Amino acid sequence: MNLVRRDIADVTVLDLGGKLTNTEGAGRLKETVTELVASGRKYIVLNLSKLNYMDSAGLGEMVACYTTASKAGGAVKLSHTTAKIRDLLTITKLLTVFDAFDTETAAVSSFGRAV
Protein backbone atom coordinates (compact mmCIF):
# COMPACT_ATOMS: atom_id res chain seq x y z
CA MET A 1 0.00 0.00 0.00
CA ASN A 2 1.17 3.49 -0.83
CA LEU A 3 0.45 6.20 1.73
CA VAL A 4 1.06 9.92 1.23
CA ARG A 5 0.28 12.54 3.88
CA ARG A 6 -0.91 16.05 3.11
CA ASP A 7 -2.09 18.70 5.58
CA ILE A 8 -4.85 21.15 4.70
CA ALA A 9 -5.08 23.57 7.62
CA ASP A 10 -5.81 21.32 10.62
CA VAL A 11 -7.15 18.43 8.53
CA THR A 12 -4.75 15.68 7.46
CA VAL A 13 -5.42 13.92 4.16
CA LEU A 14 -3.94 10.47 3.70
CA ASP A 15 -3.82 9.38 0.05
CA LEU A 16 -4.05 5.59 -0.08
CA GLY A 17 -2.94 3.69 -3.17
CA GLY A 18 -2.60 0.09 -4.23
CA LYS A 19 -4.01 -2.57 -1.94
CA LEU A 20 -5.02 -2.39 1.71
CA THR A 21 -4.85 -6.01 2.77
CA ASN A 22 -3.49 -8.28 5.47
CA THR A 23 -0.29 -8.80 3.47
CA GLU A 24 0.15 -5.35 1.90
CA GLY A 25 0.41 -2.43 4.26
CA ALA A 26 -0.81 -4.37 7.26
CA GLY A 27 -0.76 -2.08 10.28
CA ARG A 28 0.80 0.86 8.45
CA LEU A 29 -2.40 2.91 8.16
CA LYS A 30 -3.35 2.34 11.81
CA GLU A 31 0.18 3.21 12.92
CA THR A 32 0.12 6.43 10.91
CA VAL A 33 -3.28 7.49 12.27
CA THR A 34 -2.23 6.67 15.83
CA GLU A 35 0.86 8.87 15.43
CA LEU A 36 -1.20 11.69 13.91
CA VAL A 37 -3.75 11.62 16.74
CA ALA A 38 -0.98 11.48 19.37
CA SER A 39 0.54 14.61 17.82
CA GLY A 40 -2.82 16.43 17.96
CA ARG A 41 -3.89 15.93 14.31
CA LYS A 42 -7.23 14.25 14.88
CA TYR A 43 -9.22 15.35 11.80
CA ILE A 44 -8.35 12.88 9.08
CA VAL A 45 -9.57 12.20 5.55
CA LEU A 46 -8.71 8.94 3.85
CA ASN A 47 -8.55 9.61 0.11
CA LEU A 48 -9.39 6.28 -1.53
CA SER A 49 -9.16 7.41 -5.18
CA LYS A 50 -6.09 5.27 -5.91
CA LEU A 51 -6.96 2.32 -3.67
CA ASN A 52 -7.46 -0.67 -5.98
CA TYR A 53 -8.41 -3.35 -3.51
CA MET A 54 -9.27 -3.79 0.14
CA ASP A 55 -9.96 -7.01 2.08
CA SER A 56 -11.51 -7.59 5.49
CA ALA A 57 -8.19 -6.82 7.20
CA GLY A 58 -8.14 -3.47 5.42
CA LEU A 59 -11.68 -2.76 6.58
CA GLY A 60 -10.67 -3.67 10.11
CA GLU A 61 -7.74 -1.31 9.94
CA MET A 62 -9.99 1.54 8.77
CA VAL A 63 -12.36 0.85 11.68
CA ALA A 64 -9.43 0.88 14.11
CA CYS A 65 -8.38 4.28 12.70
CA TYR A 66 -11.92 5.57 13.13
CA THR A 67 -11.98 4.38 16.74
CA THR A 68 -8.59 5.92 17.54
CA ALA A 69 -9.59 9.33 16.20
CA SER A 70 -13.07 9.23 17.77
CA LYS A 71 -11.70 8.46 21.23
CA ALA A 72 -9.52 11.58 20.92
CA GLY A 73 -12.50 13.76 19.92
CA GLY A 74 -11.65 13.65 16.22
CA ALA A 75 -12.93 11.81 13.19
CA VAL A 76 -11.87 9.84 10.14
CA LYS A 77 -13.84 10.52 6.96
CA LEU A 78 -13.55 9.03 3.49
CA SER A 79 -13.23 10.71 0.12
CA HIS A 80 -13.33 9.40 -3.43
CA THR A 81 -14.97 6.14 -2.49
CA THR A 82 -15.07 4.10 -5.69
CA ALA A 83 -18.19 2.12 -6.57
CA LYS A 84 -16.47 -1.13 -5.58
CA ILE A 85 -15.38 0.20 -2.18
CA ARG A 86 -18.73 1.88 -1.58
CA ASP A 87 -20.44 -1.48 -2.25
CA LEU A 88 -18.09 -3.16 0.23
CA LEU A 89 -18.85 -0.50 2.85
CA THR A 90 -22.58 -0.88 2.22
CA ILE A 91 -22.54 -4.68 2.49
CA THR A 92 -20.60 -4.53 5.76
CA LYS A 93 -22.84 -1.70 7.02
CA LEU A 94 -19.73 0.45 7.57
CA LEU A 95 -21.24 3.16 5.40
CA THR A 96 -23.40 3.89 8.45
CA VAL A 97 -20.21 4.40 10.50
CA PHE A 98 -18.03 6.41 8.12
CA ASP A 99 -18.94 9.70 6.51
CA ALA A 100 -18.09 9.16 2.82
CA PHE A 101 -17.78 11.94 0.26
CA ASP A 102 -17.36 12.01 -3.50
CA THR A 103 -14.63 14.64 -3.34
CA GLU A 104 -11.76 15.50 -1.05
CA THR A 105 -12.93 19.11 -0.85
CA ALA A 106 -16.32 18.02 0.46
CA ALA A 107 -14.72 15.69 3.02
CA VAL A 108 -12.31 18.37 4.29
CA SER A 109 -15.07 21.00 4.41
CA SER A 110 -17.36 18.67 6.36
CA PHE A 111 -15.17 19.14 9.42
CA GLY A 112 -16.22 22.78 9.54
CA ARG A 113 -12.56 23.73 9.93
CA ALA A 114 -10.93 26.74 8.33
CA VAL A 115 -9.17 25.64 5.17
C-alpha atoms as a PDB file:
ATOM      1  CA  MET A   1       0.000   0.000   0.000  1.00  0.00           C
ATOM      2  CA  ASN A   2       1.175   3.490  -0.827  1.00  0.00           C
ATOM      3  CA  LEU A   3       0.450   6.199   1.726  1.00  0.00           C
ATOM      4  CA  VAL A   4       1.057   9.923   1.230  1.00  0.00           C
ATOM      5  CA  ARG A   5       0.277  12.538   3.882  1.00  0.00           C
ATOM      6  CA  ARG A   6      -0.908  16.052   3.111  1.00  0.00           C
ATOM      7  CA  ASP A   7      -2.088  18.700   5.581  1.00  0.00           C
ATOM      8  CA  ILE A   8      -4.851  21.153   4.697  1.00  0.00           C
ATOM      9  CA  ALA A   9      -5.084  23.570   7.619  1.00  0.00           C
ATOM     10  CA  ASP A  10      -5.807  21.324  10.619  1.00  0.00           C
ATOM     11  CA  VAL A  11      -7.152  18.431   8.534  1.00  0.00           C
ATOM     12  CA  THR A  12      -4.749  15.684   7.457  1.00  0.00           C
ATOM     13  CA  VAL A  13      -5.418  13.924   4.158  1.00  0.00           C
ATOM     14  CA  LEU A  14      -3.940  10.473   3.697  1.00  0.00           C
ATOM     15  CA  ASP A  15      -3.815   9.376   0.054  1.00  0.00           C
ATOM     16  CA  LEU A  16      -4.047   5.588  -0.077  1.00  0.00           C
ATOM     17  CA  GLY A  17      -2.941   3.688  -3.171  1.00  0.00           C
ATOM     18  CA  GLY A  18      -2.597   0.091  -4.234  1.00  0.00           C
ATOM     19  CA  LYS A  19      -4.013  -2.568  -1.936  1.00  0.00           C
ATOM     20  CA  LEU A  20      -5.017  -2.386   1.711  1.00  0.00           C
ATOM     21  CA  THR A  21      -4.849  -6.015   2.769  1.00  0.00           C
ATOM     22  CA  ASN A  22      -3.491  -8.284   5.473  1.00  0.00           C
ATOM     23  CA  THR A  23      -0.292  -8.800   3.468  1.00  0.00           C
ATOM     24  CA  GLU A  24       0.151  -5.353   1.903  1.00  0.00           C
ATOM     25  CA  GLY A  25       0.407  -2.429   4.258  1.00  0.00           C
ATOM     26  CA  ALA A  26      -0.812  -4.373   7.260  1.00  0.00           C
ATOM     27  CA  GLY A  27      -0.762  -2.080  10.279  1.00  0.00           C
ATOM     28  CA  ARG A  28       0.802   0.862   8.453  1.00  0.00           C
ATOM     29  CA  LEU A  29      -2.402   2.908   8.157  1.00  0.00           C
ATOM     30  CA  LYS A  30      -3.347   2.341  11.812  1.00  0.00           C
ATOM     31  CA  GLU A  31       0.182   3.206  12.924  1.00  0.00           C
ATOM     32  CA  THR A  32       0.118   6.425  10.915  1.00  0.00           C
ATOM     33  CA  VAL A  33      -3.280   7.494  12.268  1.00  0.00           C
ATOM     34  CA  THR A  34      -2.225   6.674  15.832  1.00  0.00           C
ATOM     35  CA  GLU A  35       0.864   8.871  15.426  1.00  0.00           C
ATOM     36  CA  LEU A  36      -1.202  11.691  13.910  1.00  0.00           C
ATOM     37  CA  VAL A  37      -3.749  11.620  16.739  1.00  0.00           C
ATOM     38  CA  ALA A  38      -0.981  11.479  19.367  1.00  0.00           C
ATOM     39  CA  SER A  39       0.539  14.609  17.822  1.00  0.00           C
ATOM     40  CA  GLY A  40      -2.824  16.429  17.957  1.00  0.00           C
ATOM     41  CA  ARG A  41      -3.892  15.928  14.306  1.00  0.00           C
ATOM     42  CA  LYS A  42      -7.234  14.245  14.884  1.00  0.00           C
ATOM     43  CA  TYR A  43      -9.222  15.351  11.804  1.00  0.00           C
ATOM     44  CA  ILE A  44      -8.348  12.882   9.079  1.00  0.00           C
ATOM     45  CA  VAL A  45      -9.574  12.205   5.548  1.00  0.00           C
ATOM     46  CA  LEU A  46      -8.708   8.936   3.848  1.00  0.00           C
ATOM     47  CA  ASN A  47      -8.547   9.611   0.105  1.00  0.00           C
ATOM     48  CA  LEU A  48      -9.389   6.283  -1.534  1.00  0.00           C
ATOM     49  CA  SER A  49      -9.156   7.411  -5.175  1.00  0.00           C
ATOM     50  CA  LYS A  50      -6.090   5.269  -5.907  1.00  0.00           C
ATOM     51  CA  LEU A  51      -6.955   2.323  -3.668  1.00  0.00           C
ATOM     52  CA  ASN A  52      -7.459  -0.667  -5.981  1.00  0.00           C
ATOM     53  CA  TYR A  53      -8.413  -3.345  -3.511  1.00  0.00           C
ATOM     54  CA  MET A  54      -9.272  -3.794   0.144  1.00  0.00           C
ATOM     55  CA  ASP A  55      -9.960  -7.010   2.077  1.00  0.00           C
ATOM     56  CA  SER A  56     -11.509  -7.588   5.494  1.00  0.00           C
ATOM     57  CA  ALA A  57      -8.187  -6.820   7.202  1.00  0.00           C
ATOM     58  CA  GLY A  58      -8.137  -3.468   5.421  1.00  0.00           C
ATOM     59  CA  LEU A  59     -11.675  -2.758   6.583  1.00  0.00           C
ATOM     60  CA  GLY A  60     -10.673  -3.669  10.114  1.00  0.00           C
ATOM     61  CA  GLU A  61      -7.739  -1.308   9.937  1.00  0.00           C
ATOM     62  CA  MET A  62      -9.989   1.536   8.773  1.00  0.00           C
ATOM     63  CA  VAL A  63     -12.362   0.849  11.682  1.00  0.00           C
ATOM     64  CA  ALA A  64      -9.425   0.882  14.106  1.00  0.00           C
ATOM     65  CA  CYS A  65      -8.384   4.280  12.698  1.00  0.00           C
ATOM     66  CA  TYR A  66     -11.920   5.574  13.131  1.00  0.00           C
ATOM     67  CA  THR A  67     -11.982   4.376  16.744  1.00  0.00           C
ATOM     68  CA  THR A  68      -8.587   5.916  17.542  1.00  0.00           C
ATOM     69  CA  ALA A  69      -9.591   9.333  16.195  1.00  0.00           C
ATOM     70  CA  SER A  70     -13.070   9.226  17.765  1.00  0.00           C
ATOM     71  CA  LYS A  71     -11.698   8.465  21.231  1.00  0.00           C
ATOM     72  CA  ALA A  72      -9.525  11.583  20.923  1.00  0.00           C
ATOM     73  CA  GLY A  73     -12.498  13.759  19.918  1.00  0.00           C
ATOM     74  CA  GLY A  74     -11.647  13.651  16.216  1.00  0.00           C
ATOM     75  CA  ALA A  75     -12.929  11.812  13.186  1.00  0.00           C
ATOM     76  CA  VAL A  76     -11.872   9.843  10.139  1.00  0.00           C
ATOM     77  CA  LYS A  77     -13.839  10.522   6.960  1.00  0.00           C
ATOM     78  CA  LEU A  78     -13.551   9.032   3.488  1.00  0.00           C
ATOM     79  CA  SER A  79     -13.230  10.705   0.116  1.00  0.00           C
ATOM     80  CA  HIS A  80     -13.326   9.398  -3.432  1.00  0.00           C
ATOM     81  CA  THR A  81     -14.975   6.138  -2.490  1.00  0.00           C
ATOM     82  CA  THR A  82     -15.072   4.100  -5.686  1.00  0.00           C
ATOM     83  CA  ALA A  83     -18.194   2.123  -6.570  1.00  0.00           C
ATOM     84  CA  LYS A  84     -16.472  -1.131  -5.578  1.00  0.00           C
ATOM     85  CA  ILE A  85     -15.377   0.200  -2.180  1.00  0.00           C
ATOM     86  CA  ARG A  86     -18.735   1.881  -1.584  1.00  0.00           C
ATOM     87  CA  ASP A  87     -20.437  -1.481  -2.255  1.00  0.00           C
ATOM     88  CA  LEU A  88     -18.088  -3.155   0.234  1.00  0.00           C
ATOM     89  CA  LEU A  89     -18.846  -0.496   2.852  1.00  0.00           C
ATOM     90  CA  THR A  90     -22.579  -0.879   2.224  1.00  0.00           C
ATOM     91  CA  ILE A  91     -22.537  -4.678   2.485  1.00  0.00           C
ATOM     92  CA  THR A  92     -20.596  -4.532   5.762  1.00  0.00           C
ATOM     93  CA  LYS A  93     -22.835  -1.697   7.017  1.00  0.00           C
ATOM     94  CA  LEU A  94     -19.725   0.450   7.572  1.00  0.00           C
ATOM     95  CA  LEU A  95     -21.240   3.159   5.402  1.00  0.00           C
ATOM     96  CA  THR A  96     -23.402   3.889   8.450  1.00  0.00           C
ATOM     97  CA  VAL A  97     -20.208   4.402  10.497  1.00  0.00           C
ATOM     98  CA  PHE A  98     -18.029   6.413   8.117  1.00  0.00           C
ATOM     99  CA  ASP A  99     -18.940   9.702   6.508  1.00  0.00           C
ATOM    100  CA  ALA A 100     -18.088   9.160   2.825  1.00  0.00           C
ATOM    101  CA  PHE A 101     -17.784  11.944   0.264  1.00  0.00           C
ATOM    102  CA  ASP A 102     -17.361  12.012  -3.495  1.00  0.00           C
ATOM    103  CA  THR A 103     -14.627  14.644  -3.345  1.00  0.00           C
ATOM    104  CA  GLU A 104     -11.760  15.503  -1.047  1.00  0.00           C
ATOM    105  CA  THR A 105     -12.929  19.114  -0.855  1.00  0.00           C
ATOM    106  CA  ALA A 106     -16.318  18.021   0.458  1.00  0.00           C
ATOM    107  CA  ALA A 107     -14.717  15.694   3.016  1.00  0.00           C
ATOM    108  CA  VAL A 108     -12.314  18.373   4.293  1.00  0.00           C
ATOM    109  CA  SER A 109     -15.072  21.003   4.410  1.00  0.00           C
ATOM    110  CA  SER A 110     -17.363  18.673   6.358  1.00  0.00           C
ATOM    111  CA  PHE A 111     -15.169  19.136   9.424  1.00  0.00           C
ATOM    112  CA  GLY A 112     -16.218  22.782   9.537  1.00  0.00           C
ATOM    113  CA  ARG A 113     -12.563  23.732   9.933  1.00  0.00           C
ATOM    114  CA  ALA A 114     -10.926  26.743   8.333  1.00  0.00           C
ATOM    115  CA  VAL A 115      -9.167  25.636   5.167  1.00  0.00           C
END
